[in-house]
Amino acid sequence: QVQLVESGGGLVQAGGSLRLSCAASGSTFSIEIMGWYRQAPGKQREAVAISYKSGMVNYADSVKGRFTISRDNAKNTVYLQMNSLKPEDTAVYYCRAASGWTIWGQGTQVTVSS
């Protein structure tokens, strides 16, 4: 079964950029959904960027134009490029893969200072 390992979190200043990576091991053939979620302290986990097998992508309104989700199928890795970061982007970011089943990465902390 697929396992997800996240990396790339850290502390950045407002306006900066960060790229999160989520490496999938095991069988990754025809995964229906690969997405990024985040959870800030005291808030519910929310979808940030979702990539579908069809090629469609969805972004939360709060990150449109700033974040980009992409996949490198050769490396079995999904990325989240985050630009123009804001303090409100501070959260733990989780990678999720779903194909009927659901599996989550361990989460990586992103902190944006003002």
PDB file of N, CA and C in Angstrom:
ATOM      1  N   GLN A   1       0.849  -1.195   0.000  1.00  0.00           N
ATOM      2  CA  GLN A   1       0.000   0.000   0.000  1.00  0.00           C
ATOM      3  C   GLN A   1       0.883   1.243   0.000  1.00  0.00           C
ATOM      4  N   VAL A   2       0.311   2.342  -0.391  1.00  0.00           N
ATOM      5  CA  VAL A   2       1.038   3.594  -0.513  1.00  0.00           C
ATOM      6  C   VAL A   2       1.352   4.167   0.867  1.00  0.00           C
ATOM      7  N   GLN A   3       2.569   4.681   1.017  1.00  0.00           N
ATOM      8  CA  GLN A   3       2.962   5.449   2.183  1.00  0.00           C
ATOM      9  C   GLN A   3       3.420   6.822   1.718  1.00  0.00           C
ATOM     10  N   LEU A   4       3.109   7.843   2.499  1.00  0.00           N
ATOM     11  CA  LEU A   4       3.430   9.217   2.137  1.00  0.00           C
ATOM     12  C   LEU A   4       4.382   9.817   3.152  1.00  0.00           C
ATOM     13  N   VAL A   5       5.454  10.421   2.666  1.00  0.00           N
ATOM     14  CA  VAL A   5       6.433  11.076   3.517  1.00  0.00           C
ATOM     15  C   VAL A   5       6.573  12.517   3.063  1.00  0.00           C
ATOM     16  N   GLU A   6       6.282  13.448   3.969  1.00  0.00           N
ATOM     17  CA  GLU A   6       6.322  14.862   3.659  1.00  0.00           C
ATOM     18  C   GLU A   6       7.644  15.488   4.082  1.00  0.00           C
ATOM     19  N   SER A   7       8.008  16.552   3.388  1.00  0.00           N
ATOM     20  CA  SER A   7       9.172  17.334   3.753  1.00  0.00           C
ATOM     21  C   SER A   7       9.008  18.742   3.196  1.00  0.00           C
ATOM     22  N   GLY A   8       9.841  19.664   3.657  1.00  0.00           N
ATOM     23  CA  GLY A   8       9.875  20.998   3.101  1.00  0.00           C
ATOM     24  C   GLY A   8       9.302  22.091   3.972  1.00  0.00           C
ATOM     25  N   GLY A   9       8.719  21.744   5.101  1.00  0.00           N
ATOM     26  CA  GLY A   9       8.190  22.759   5.987  1.00  0.00           C
ATOM     27  C   GLY A   9       9.300  23.549   6.653  1.00  0.00           C
ATOM     28  N   GLY A  10       8.904  24.634   7.287  1.00  0.00           N
ATOM     29  CA  GLY A  10       9.881  25.464   7.964  1.00  0.00           C
ATOM     30  C   GLY A  10       9.310  26.810   8.322  1.00  0.00           C
ATOM     31  N   LEU A  11      10.191  27.710   8.705  1.00  0.00           N
ATOM     32  CA  LEU A  11       9.814  29.068   9.080  1.00  0.00           C
ATOM     33  C   LEU A  11      10.281  30.027   8.003  1.00  0.00           C
ATOM     34  N   VAL A  12       9.358  30.836   7.511  1.00  0.00           N
ATOM     35  CA  VAL A  12       9.678  31.827   6.491  1.00  0.00           C
ATOM     36  C   VAL A  12       9.021  33.143   6.853  1.00  0.00           C
ATOM     37  N   GLN A  13       9.538  34.211   6.295  1.00  0.00           N
ATOM     38  CA  GLN A  13       8.943  35.518   6.499  1.00  0.00           C
ATOM     39  C   GLN A  13       7.812  35.751   5.514  1.00  0.00           C
ATOM     40  N   ALA A  14       6.879  36.601   5.899  1.00  0.00           N
ATOM     41  CA  ALA A  14       5.781  36.946   5.015  1.00  0.00           C
ATOM     42  C   ALA A  14       6.315  37.419   3.670  1.00  0.00           C
ATOM     43  N   GLY A  15       5.678  36.948   2.607  1.00  0.00           N
ATOM     44  CA  GLY A  15       6.117  37.272   1.268  1.00  0.00           C
ATOM     45  C   GLY A  15       7.081  36.262   0.688  1.00  0.00           C
ATOM     46  N   GLY A  16       7.576  35.373   1.509  1.00  0.00           N
ATOM     47  CA  GLY A  16       8.517  34.373   1.063  1.00  0.00           C
ATOM     48  C   GLY A  16       7.847  33.183   0.410  1.00  0.00           C
ATOM     49  N   SER A  17       8.665  32.220   0.028  1.00  0.00           N
ATOM     50  CA  SER A  17       8.187  31.034  -0.667  1.00  0.00           C
ATOM     51  C   SER A  17       8.700  29.780   0.006  1.00  0.00           C
ATOM     52  N   LEU A  18       7.973  28.707  -0.203  1.00  0.00           N
ATOM     53  CA  LEU A  18       8.340  27.418   0.339  1.00  0.00           C
ATOM     54  C   LEU A  18       7.749  26.353  -0.567  1.00  0.00           C
ATOM     55  N   ARG A  19       8.451  25.250  -0.720  1.00  0.00           N
ATOM     56  CA  ARG A  19       7.936  24.144  -1.503  1.00  0.00           C
ATOM     57  C   ARG A  19       7.856  22.897  -0.639  1.00  0.00           C
ATOM     58  N   LEU A  20       6.659  22.358  -0.526  1.00  0.00           N
ATOM     59  CA  LEU A  20       6.444  21.126   0.196  1.00  0.00           C
ATOM     60  C   LEU A  20       6.491  19.952  -0.769  1.00  0.00           C
ATOM     61  N   SER A  21       7.041  18.859  -0.302  1.00  0.00           N
ATOM     62  CA  SER A  21       7.114  17.647  -1.098  1.00  0.00           C
ATOM     63  C   SER A  21       6.443  16.510  -0.351  1.00  0.00           C
ATOM     64  N   CYS A  22       5.811  15.642  -1.098  1.00  0.00           N
ATOM     65  CA  CYS A  22       5.186  14.455  -0.540  1.00  0.00           C
ATOM     66  C   CYS A  22       5.557  13.291  -1.427  1.00  0.00           C
ATOM     67  N   ALA A  23       6.422  12.438  -0.927  1.00  0.00           N
ATOM     68  CA  ALA A  23       6.906  11.300  -1.691  1.00  0.00           C
ATOM     69  C   ALA A  23       6.079  10.068  -1.360  1.00  0.00           C
ATOM     70  N   ALA A  24       5.588   9.424  -2.384  1.00  0.00           N
ATOM     71  CA  ALA A  24       4.775   8.228  -2.226  1.00  0.00           C
ATOM     72  C   ALA A  24       5.600   6.992  -2.539  1.00  0.00           C
ATOM     73  N   SER A  25       5.544   6.037  -1.647  1.00  0.00           N
ATOM     74  CA  SER A  25       6.192   4.758  -1.872  1.00  0.00           C
ATOM     75  C   SER A  25       5.129   3.679  -1.987  1.00  0.00           C
ATOM     76  N   GLY A  26       5.489   2.580  -2.595  1.00  0.00           N
ATOM     77  CA  GLY A  26       4.520   1.548  -2.859  1.00  0.00           C
ATOM     78  C   GLY A  26       3.826   1.815  -4.184  1.00  0.00           C
ATOM     79  N   SER A  27       2.733   1.164  -4.400  1.00  0.00           N
ATOM     80  CA  SER A  27       1.997   1.317  -5.646  1.00  0.00           C
ATOM     81  C   SER A  27       1.310   2.663  -5.713  1.00  0.00           C
ATOM     82  N   THR A  28       1.620   3.417  -6.754  1.00  0.00           N
ATOM     83  CA  THR A  28       1.010   4.732  -6.943  1.00  0.00           C
ATOM     84  C   THR A  28       0.230   4.810  -8.247  1.00  0.00           C
ATOM     85  N   PHE A  29      -0.031   3.685  -8.851  1.00  0.00           N
ATOM     86  CA  PHE A  29      -0.719   3.671 -10.130  1.00  0.00           C
ATOM     87  C   PHE A  29      -2.160   4.132  -9.990  1.00  0.00           C
ATOM     88  N   SER A  30      -2.512   5.121 -10.781  1.00  0.00           N
ATOM     89  CA  SER A  30      -3.890   5.581 -10.929  1.00  0.00           C
ATOM     90  C   SER A  30      -4.540   6.013  -9.609  1.00  0.00           C
ATOM     91  N   ILE A  31      -3.782   6.730  -8.787  1.00  0.00           N
ATOM     92  CA  ILE A  31      -4.360   7.300  -7.573  1.00  0.00           C
ATOM     93  C   ILE A  31      -5.325   8.406  -7.975  1.00  0.00           C
ATOM     94  N   GLU A  32      -6.538   8.344  -7.464  1.00  0.00           N
ATOM     95  CA  GLU A  32      -7.573   9.268  -7.902  1.00  0.00           C
ATOM     96  C   GLU A  32      -7.345  10.691  -7.422  1.00  0.00           C
ATOM     97  N   ILE A  33      -6.909  10.834  -6.188  1.00  0.00           N
ATOM     98  CA  ILE A  33      -6.767  12.154  -5.587  1.00  0.00           C
ATOM     99  C   ILE A  33      -5.443  12.273  -4.865  1.00  0.00           C
ATOM    100  N   MET A  34      -4.750  13.358  -5.108  1.00  0.00           N
ATOM    101  CA  MET A  34      -3.580  13.738  -4.332  1.00  0.00           C
ATOM    102  C   MET A  34      -3.802  15.189  -3.929  1.00  0.00           C
ATOM    103  N   GLY A  35      -3.743  15.450  -2.654  1.00  0.00           N
ATOM    104  CA  GLY A  35      -4.041  16.797  -2.210  1.00  0.00           C
ATOM    105  C   GLY A  35      -3.275  17.213  -0.981  1.00  0.00           C
ATOM    106  N   TRP A  36      -3.343  18.508  -0.726  1.00  0.00           N
ATOM    107  CA  TRP A  36      -2.727  19.109   0.436  1.00  0.00           C
ATOM    108  C   TRP A  36      -3.805  19.739   1.303  1.00  0.00           C
ATOM    109  N   TYR A  37      -3.708  19.490   2.587  1.00  0.00           N
ATOM    110  CA  TYR A  37      -4.607  20.049   3.580  1.00  0.00           C
ATOM    111  C   TYR A  37      -3.778  20.749   4.638  1.00  0.00           C
ATOM    112  N   ARG A  38      -4.416  21.605   5.401  1.00  0.00           N
ATOM    113  CA  ARG A  38      -3.707  22.256   6.486  1.00  0.00           C
ATOM    114  C   ARG A  38      -4.622  22.432   7.681  1.00  0.00           C
ATOM    115  N   GLN A  39      -4.011  22.503   8.837  1.00  0.00           N
ATOM    116  CA  GLN A  39      -4.751  22.716  10.064  1.00  0.00           C
ATOM    117  C   GLN A  39      -3.988  23.697  10.937  1.00  0.00           C
ATOM    118  N   ALA A  40      -4.601  24.834  11.175  1.00  0.00           N
ATOM    119  CA  ALA A  40      -4.035  25.847  12.043  1.00  0.00           C
ATOM    120  C   ALA A  40      -4.534  25.619  13.463  1.00  0.00           C
ATOM    121  N   PRO A  41      -3.813  26.117  14.457  1.00  0.00           N
ATOM    122  CA  PRO A  41      -4.239  25.940  15.848  1.00  0.00           C
ATOM    123  C   PRO A  41      -5.660  26.441  16.072  1.00  0.00           C
ATOM    124  N   GLY A  42      -6.486  25.606  16.690  1.00  0.00           N
ATOM    125  CA  GLY A  42      -7.843  25.980  17.004  1.00  0.00           C
ATOM    126  C   GLY A  42      -8.810  25.963  15.833  1.00  0.00           C
ATOM    127  N   LYS A  43      -8.357  25.518  14.679  1.00  0.00           N
ATOM    128  CA  LYS A  43      -9.206  25.496  13.501  1.00  0.00           C
ATOM    129  C   LYS A  43      -9.327  24.086  12.938  1.00  0.00           C
ATOM    130  N   GLN A  44     -10.358  23.884  12.128  1.00  0.00           N
ATOM    131  CA  GLN A  44     -10.554  22.603  11.469  1.00  0.00           C
ATOM    132  C   GLN A  44      -9.563  22.430  10.325  1.00  0.00           C
ATOM    133  N   ARG A  45      -9.263  21.175  10.021  1.00  0.00           N
ATOM    134  CA  ARG A  45      -8.429  20.899   8.871  1.00  0.00           C
ATOM    135  C   ARG A  45      -9.192  21.270   7.601  1.00  0.00           C
ATOM    136  N   GLU A  46      -8.503  21.926   6.684  1.00  0.00           N
ATOM    137  CA  GLU A  46      -9.139  22.375   5.464  1.00  0.00           C
ATOM    138  C   GLU A  46      -8.322  21.977   4.246  1.00  0.00           C
ATOM    139  N   ALA A  47      -9.024  21.786   3.143  1.00  0.00           N
ATOM    140  CA  ALA A  47      -8.352  21.494   1.886  1.00  0.00           C
ATOM    141  C   ALA A  47      -7.699  22.753   1.355  1.00  0.00           C
ATOM    142  N   VAL A  48      -6.477  22.612   0.890  1.00  0.00           N
ATOM    143  CA  VAL A  48      -5.718  23.718   0.325  1.00  0.00           C
ATOM    144  C   VAL A  48      -5.637  23.606  -1.189  1.00  0.00           C
ATOM    145  N   ALA A  49      -5.230  22.451  -1.667  1.00  0.00           N
ATOM    146  CA  ALA A  49      -5.087  22.211  -3.095  1.00  0.00           C
ATOM    147  C   ALA A  49      -5.295  20.731  -3.352  1.00  0.00           C
ATOM    148  N   ILE A  50      -6.146  20.416  -4.317  1.00  0.00           N
ATOM    149  CA  ILE A  50      -6.489  19.042  -4.630  1.00  0.00           C
ATOM    150  C   ILE A  50      -6.236  18.781  -6.104  1.00  0.00           C
ATOM    151  N   SER A  51      -5.573  17.682  -6.390  1.00  0.00           N
ATOM    152  CA  SER A  51      -5.310  17.251  -7.753  1.00  0.00           C
ATOM    153  C   SER A  51      -6.051  15.948  -8.010  1.00  0.00           C
ATOM    154  N   TYR A  52      -6.818  15.907  -9.107  1.00  0.00           N
ATOM    155  CA  TYR A  52      -7.604  14.737  -9.456  1.00  0.00           C
ATOM    156  C   TYR A  52      -6.967  13.987 -10.616  1.00  0.00           C
ATOM    157  N   LYS A  53      -7.270  12.707 -10.712  1.00  0.00           N
ATOM    158  CA  LYS A  53      -6.736  11.858 -11.763  1.00  0.00           C
ATOM    159  C   LYS A  53      -7.076  12.406 -13.142  1.00  0.00           C
ATOM    160  N   SER A  54      -8.219  13.048 -13.249  1.00  0.00           N
ATOM    161  CA  SER A  54      -8.667  13.615 -14.505  1.00  0.00           C
ATOM    162  C   SER A  54      -7.788  14.763 -14.987  1.00  0.00           C
ATOM    163  N   GLY A  55      -6.973  15.299 -14.094  1.00  0.00           N
ATOM    164  CA  GLY A  55      -6.158  16.454 -14.413  1.00  0.00           C
ATOM    165  C   GLY A  55      -6.690  17.739 -13.814  1.00  0.00           C
ATOM    166  N   MET A  56      -7.911  17.710 -13.334  1.00  0.00           N
ATOM    167  CA  MET A  56      -8.471  18.886 -12.690  1.00  0.00           C
ATOM    168  C   MET A  56      -7.760  19.169 -11.383  1.00  0.00           C
ATOM    169  N   VAL A  57      -7.677  20.423 -11.037  1.00  0.00           N
ATOM    170  CA  VAL A  57      -7.132  20.849  -9.756  1.00  0.00           C
ATOM    171  C   VAL A  57      -8.080  21.864  -9.140  1.00  0.00           C
ATOM    172  N   ASN A  58      -8.177  21.821  -7.832  1.00  0.00           N
ATOM    173  CA  ASN A  58      -8.981  22.781  -7.085  1.00  0.00           C
ATOM    174  C   ASN A  58      -8.109  23.430  -6.030  1.00  0.00           C
ATOM    175  N   TYR A  59      -8.314  24.714  -5.825  1.00  0.00           N
ATOM    176  CA  TYR A  59      -7.602  25.452  -4.801  1.00  0.00           C
ATOM    177  C   TYR A  59      -8.581  26.155  -3.888  1.00  0.00           C
ATOM    178  N   ALA A  60      -8.218  26.236  -2.626  1.00  0.00           N
ATOM    179  CA  ALA A  60      -8.976  27.078  -1.727  1.00  0.00           C
ATOM    180  C   ALA A  60      -8.871  28.521  -2.199  1.00  0.00           C
ATOM    181  N   ASP A  61      -9.959  29.265  -2.038  1.00  0.00           N
ATOM    182  CA  ASP A  61      -9.952  30.653  -2.486  1.00  0.00           C
ATOM    183  C   ASP A  61      -8.812  31.449  -1.859  1.00  0.00           C
ATOM    184  N   SER A  62      -8.471  31.113  -0.637  1.00  0.00           N
ATOM    185  CA  SER A  62      -7.458  31.865   0.081  1.00  0.00           C
ATOM    186  C   SER A  62      -6.051  31.696  -0.481  1.00  0.00           C
ATOM    187  N   VAL A  63      -5.839  30.667  -1.312  1.00  0.00           N
ATOM    188  CA  VAL A  63      -4.492  30.418  -1.838  1.00  0.00           C
ATOM    189  C   VAL A  63      -4.423  30.526  -3.354  1.00  0.00           C
ATOM    190  N   LYS A  64      -5.538  30.749  -4.015  1.00  0.00           N
ATOM    191  CA  LYS A  64      -5.533  30.860  -5.473  1.00  0.00           C
ATOM    192  C   LYS A  64      -4.588  31.963  -5.924  1.00  0.00           C
ATOM    193  N   GLY A  65      -3.793  31.643  -6.919  1.00  0.00           N
ATOM    194  CA  GLY A  65      -2.829  32.594  -7.439  1.00  0.00           C
ATOM    195  C   GLY A  65      -1.519  32.606  -6.699  1.00  0.00           C
ATOM    196  N   ARG A  66      -1.460  31.955  -5.546  1.00  0.00           N
ATOM    197  CA  ARG A  66      -0.241  31.926  -4.752  1.00  0.00           C
ATOM    198  C   ARG A  66       0.360  30.529  -4.640  1.00  0.00           C
ATOM    199  N   PHE A  67      -0.490  29.513  -4.564  1.00  0.00           N
ATOM    200  CA  PHE A  67      -0.038  28.137  -4.397  1.00  0.00           C
ATOM    201  C   PHE A  67      -0.253  27.359  -5.688  1.00  0.00           C
ATOM    202  N   THR A  68       0.627  26.413  -5.949  1.00  0.00           N
ATOM    203  CA  THR A  68       0.503  25.544  -7.107  1.00  0.00           C
ATOM    204  C   THR A  68       0.777  24.105  -6.703  1.00  0.00           C
ATOM    205  N   ILE A  69      -0.154  23.223  -7.029  1.00  0.00           N
ATOM    206  CA  ILE A  69       0.046  21.804  -6.787  1.00  0.00           C
ATOM    207  C   ILE A  69       0.515  21.157  -8.085  1.00  0.00           C
ATOM    208  N   SER A  70       1.467  20.263  -7.980  1.00  0.00           N
ATOM    209  CA  SER A  70       1.989  19.596  -9.157  1.00  0.00           C
ATOM    210  C   SER A  70       2.460  18.196  -8.790  1.00  0.00           C
ATOM    211  N   ARG A  71       2.614  17.372  -9.800  1.00  0.00           N
ATOM    212  CA  ARG A  71       3.092  16.006  -9.596  1.00  0.00           C
ATOM    213  C   ARG A  71       4.268  15.713 -10.501  1.00  0.00           C
ATOM    214  N   ASP A  72       5.183  14.917  -9.989  1.00  0.00           N
ATOM    215  CA  ASP A  72       6.264  14.361 -10.778  1.00  0.00           C
ATOM    216  C   ASP A  72       6.068  12.856 -10.732  1.00  0.00           C
ATOM    217  N   ASN A  73       5.435  12.327 -11.751  1.00  0.00           N
ATOM    218  CA  ASN A  73       5.099  10.910 -11.747  1.00  0.00           C
ATOM    219  C   ASN A  73       6.333  10.014 -11.757  1.00  0.00           C
ATOM    220  N   ALA A  74       7.414  10.481 -12.385  1.00  0.00           N
ATOM    221  CA  ALA A  74       8.641   9.690 -12.425  1.00  0.00           C
ATOM    222  C   ALA A  74       9.216   9.492 -11.031  1.00  0.00           C
ATOM    223  N   LYS A  75       9.011  10.474 -10.158  1.00  0.00           N
ATOM    224  CA  LYS A  75       9.520  10.400  -8.794  1.00  0.00           C
ATOM    225  C   LYS A  75       8.442  10.030  -7.785  1.00  0.00           C
ATOM    226  N   ASN A  76       7.214   9.813  -8.257  1.00  0.00           N
ATOM    227  CA  ASN A  76       6.090   9.503  -7.378  1.00  0.00           C
ATOM    228  C   ASN A  76       5.971  10.523  -6.255  1.00  0.00           C
ATOM    229  N   THR A  77       6.041  11.770  -6.633  1.00  0.00           N
ATOM    230  CA  THR A  77       6.054  12.854  -5.668  1.00  0.00           C
ATOM    231  C   THR A  77       5.065  13.939  -6.075  1.00  0.00           C
ATOM    232  N   VAL A  78       4.361  14.477  -5.096  1.00  0.00           N
ATOM    233  CA  VAL A  78       3.485  15.610  -5.314  1.00  0.00           C
ATOM    234  C   VAL A  78       4.055  16.792  -4.542  1.00  0.00           C
ATOM    235  N   TYR A  79       3.945  17.967  -5.124  1.00  0.00           N
ATOM    236  CA  TYR A  79       4.523  19.165  -4.543  1.00  0.00           C
ATOM    237  C   TYR A  79       3.453  20.218  -4.289  1.00  0.00           C
ATOM    238  N   LEU A  80       3.745  21.081  -3.365  1.00  0.00           N
ATOM    239  CA  LEU A  80       2.952  22.284  -3.184  1.00  0.00           C
ATOM    240  C   LEU A  80       3.913  23.458  -3.147  1.00  0.00           C
ATOM    241  N   GLN A  81       3.921  24.231  -4.221  1.00  0.00           N
ATOM    242  CA  GLN A  81       4.723  25.442  -4.278  1.00  0.00           C
ATOM    243  C   GLN A  81       3.916  26.574  -3.681  1.00  0.00           C
ATOM    244  N   MET A  82       4.434  27.181  -2.640  1.00  0.00           N
ATOM    245  CA  MET A  82       3.737  28.230  -1.926  1.00  0.00           C
ATOM    246  C   MET A  82       4.521  29.526  -2.070  1.00  0.00           C
ATOM    247  N   ASN A  83       3.907  30.499  -2.700  1.00  0.00           N
ATOM    248  CA  ASN A  83       4.517  31.801  -2.899  1.00  0.00           C
ATOM    249  C   ASN A  83       3.712  32.866  -2.175  1.00  0.00           C
ATOM    250  N   SER A  84       4.329  34.011  -1.992  1.00  0.00           N
ATOM    251  CA  SER A  84       3.672  35.144  -1.342  1.00  0.00           C
ATOM    252  C   SER A  84       3.003  34.717  -0.044  1.00  0.00           C
ATOM    253  N   LEU A  85       3.737  34.010   0.772  1.00  0.00           N
ATOM    254  CA  LEU A  85       3.174  33.470   2.002  1.00  0.00           C
ATOM    255  C   LEU A  85       2.744  34.565   2.956  1.00  0.00           C
ATOM    256  N   LYS A  86       1.662  34.286   3.655  1.00  0.00           N
ATOM    257  CA  LYS A  86       1.079  35.198   4.624  1.00  0.00           C
ATOM    258  C   LYS A  86       1.060  34.544   5.994  1.00  0.00           C
ATOM    259  N   PRO A  87       1.048  35.334   7.062  1.00  0.00           N
ATOM    260  CA  PRO A  87       0.980  34.740   8.401  1.00  0.00           C
ATOM    261  C   PRO A  87      -0.201  33.798   8.574  1.00  0.00           C
ATOM    262  N   GLU A  88      -1.321  34.077   7.923  1.00  0.00           N
ATOM    263  CA  GLU A  88      -2.477  33.214   8.033  1.00  0.00           C
ATOM    264  C   GLU A  88      -2.301  31.864   7.350  1.00  0.00           C
ATOM    265  N   ASP A  89      -1.212  31.687   6.618  1.00  0.00           N
ATOM    266  CA  ASP A  89      -0.889  30.385   6.043  1.00  0.00           C
ATOM    267  C   ASP A  89      -0.231  29.462   7.061  1.00  0.00           C
ATOM    268  N   THR A  90       0.107  29.985   8.218  1.00  0.00           N
ATOM    269  CA  THR A  90       0.743  29.180   9.250  1.00  0.00           C
ATOM    270  C   THR A  90      -0.167  28.029   9.660  1.00  0.00           C
ATOM    271  N   ALA A  91       0.353  26.824   9.573  1.00  0.00           N
ATOM    272  CA  ALA A  91      -0.429  25.632   9.879  1.00  0.00           C
ATOM    273  C   ALA A  91       0.461  24.409   9.734  1.00  0.00           C
ATOM    274  N   VAL A  92      -0.067  23.281  10.154  1.00  0.00           N
ATOM    275  CA  VAL A  92       0.539  22.010   9.808  1.00  0.00           C
ATOM    276  C   VAL A  92      -0.078  21.567   8.493  1.00  0.00           C
ATOM    277  N   TYR A  93       0.751  21.265   7.528  1.00  0.00           N
ATOM    278  CA  TYR A  93       0.292  20.868   6.210  1.00  0.00           C
ATOM    279  C   TYR A  93       0.403  19.358   6.053  1.00  0.00           C
ATOM    280  N   TYR A  94      -0.666  18.760   5.557  1.00  0.00           N
ATOM    281  CA  TYR A  94      -0.744  17.316   5.397  1.00  0.00           C
ATOM    282  C   TYR A  94      -0.980  16.948   3.942  1.00  0.00           C
ATOM    283  N   CYS A  95      -0.255  15.974   3.486  1.00  0.00           N
ATOM    284  CA  CYS A  95      -0.488  15.389   2.177  1.00  0.00           C
ATOM    285  C   CYS A  95      -1.511  14.267   2.320  1.00  0.00           C
ATOM    286  N   ARG A  96      -2.386  14.142   1.346  1.00  0.00           N
ATOM    287  CA  ARG A  96      -3.399  13.092   1.353  1.00  0.00           C
ATOM    288  C   ARG A  96      -3.498  12.455  -0.012  1.00  0.00           C
ATOM    289  N   ALA A  97      -3.572  11.150  -0.015  1.00  0.00           N
ATOM    290  CA  ALA A  97      -3.841  10.401  -1.232  1.00  0.00           C
ATOM    291  C   ALA A  97      -5.101   9.589  -1.014  1.00  0.00           C
ATOM    292  N   ALA A  98      -5.938   9.517  -2.025  1.00  0.00           N
ATOM    293  CA  ALA A  98      -7.192   8.782  -1.909  1.00  0.00           C
ATOM    294  C   ALA A  98      -7.534   8.120  -3.221  1.00  0.00           C
ATOM    295  N   SER A  99      -8.008   6.903  -3.111  1.00  0.00           N
ATOM    296  CA  SER A  99      -8.436   6.157  -4.292  1.00  0.00           C
ATOM    297  C   SER A  99      -9.463   5.120  -3.832  1.00  0.00           C
ATOM    298  N   GLY A 100     -10.520   5.612  -3.210  1.00  0.00           N
ATOM    299  CA  GLY A 100     -11.435   4.762  -2.472  1.00  0.00           C
ATOM    300  C   GLY A 100     -10.976   4.713  -1.026  1.00  0.00           C
ATOM    301  N   TRP A 101      -9.760   4.295  -0.829  1.00  0.00           N
ATOM    302  CA  TRP A 101      -9.070   4.368   0.454  1.00  0.00           C
ATOM    303  C   TRP A 101      -8.465   5.763   0.628  1.00  0.00           C
ATOM    304  N   THR A 102      -8.011   6.067   1.816  1.00  0.00           N
ATOM    305  CA  THR A 102      -7.372   7.339   2.119  1.00  0.00           C
ATOM    306  C   THR A 102      -6.142   7.100   2.975  1.00  0.00           C
ATOM    307  N   ILE A 103      -5.065   7.780   2.638  1.00  0.00           N
ATOM    308  CA  ILE A 103      -3.857   7.725   3.443  1.00  0.00           C
ATOM    309  C   ILE A 103      -3.300   9.131   3.571  1.00  0.00           C
ATOM    310  N   TRP A 104      -2.766   9.425   4.746  1.00  0.00           N
ATOM    311  CA  TRP A 104      -2.251  10.752   5.064  1.00  0.00           C
ATOM    312  C   TRP A 104      -0.765  10.727   5.330  1.00  0.00           C
ATOM    313  N   GLY A 105      -0.093  11.807   4.980  1.00  0.00           N
ATOM    314  CA  GLY A 105       1.282  11.997   5.382  1.00  0.00           C
ATOM    315  C   GLY A 105       1.348  12.387   6.843  1.00  0.00           C
ATOM    316  N   GLN A 106       2.556  12.518   7.367  1.00  0.00           N
ATOM    317  CA  GLN A 106       2.727  12.778   8.795  1.00  0.00           C
ATOM    318  C   GLN A 106       2.508  14.238   9.174  1.00  0.00           C
ATOM    319  N   GLY A 107       2.481  15.116   8.210  1.00  0.00           N
ATOM    320  CA  GLY A 107       2.324  16.537   8.455  1.00  0.00           C
ATOM    321  C   GLY A 107       3.659  17.241   8.570  1.00  0.00           C
ATOM    322  N   THR A 108       3.705  18.466   8.087  1.00  0.00           N
ATOM    323  CA  THR A 108       4.907  19.275   8.198  1.00  0.00           C
ATOM    324  C   THR A 108       4.504  20.699   8.577  1.00  0.00           C
ATOM    325  N   GLN A 109       5.213  21.272   9.529  1.00  0.00           N
ATOM    326  CA  GLN A 109       4.870  22.588  10.055  1.00  0.00           C
ATOM    327  C   GLN A 109       5.356  23.687   9.121  1.00  0.00           C
ATOM    328  N   VAL A 110       4.461  24.598   8.806  1.00  0.00           N
ATOM    329  CA  VAL A 110       4.801  25.812   8.063  1.00  0.00           C
ATOM    330  C   VAL A 110       4.460  26.996   8.948  1.00  0.00           C
ATOM    331  N   THR A 111       5.450  27.809   9.234  1.00  0.00           N
ATOM    332  CA  THR A 111       5.249  28.996  10.051  1.00  0.00           C
ATOM    333  C   THR A 111       5.686  30.217   9.257  1.00  0.00           C
ATOM    334  N   VAL A 112       4.789  31.180   9.141  1.00  0.00           N
ATOM    335  CA  VAL A 112       5.062  32.397   8.399  1.00  0.00           C
ATOM    336  C   VAL A 112       5.047  33.559   9.375  1.00  0.00           C
ATOM    337  N   SER A 113       6.166  34.217   9.512  1.00  0.00           N
ATOM    338  CA  SER A 113       6.278  35.343  10.429  1.00  0.00           C
ATOM    339  C   SER A 113       5.937  36.639   9.719  1.00  0.00           C
ATOM    340  N   SER A 114       5.413  37.593  10.463  1.00  0.00           N
ATOM    341  CA  SER A 114       5.031  38.872   9.897  1.00  0.00           C
ATOM    342  C   SER A 114       6.131  39.899  10.062  1.00  0.00           C
TER     343      SER A 114
END
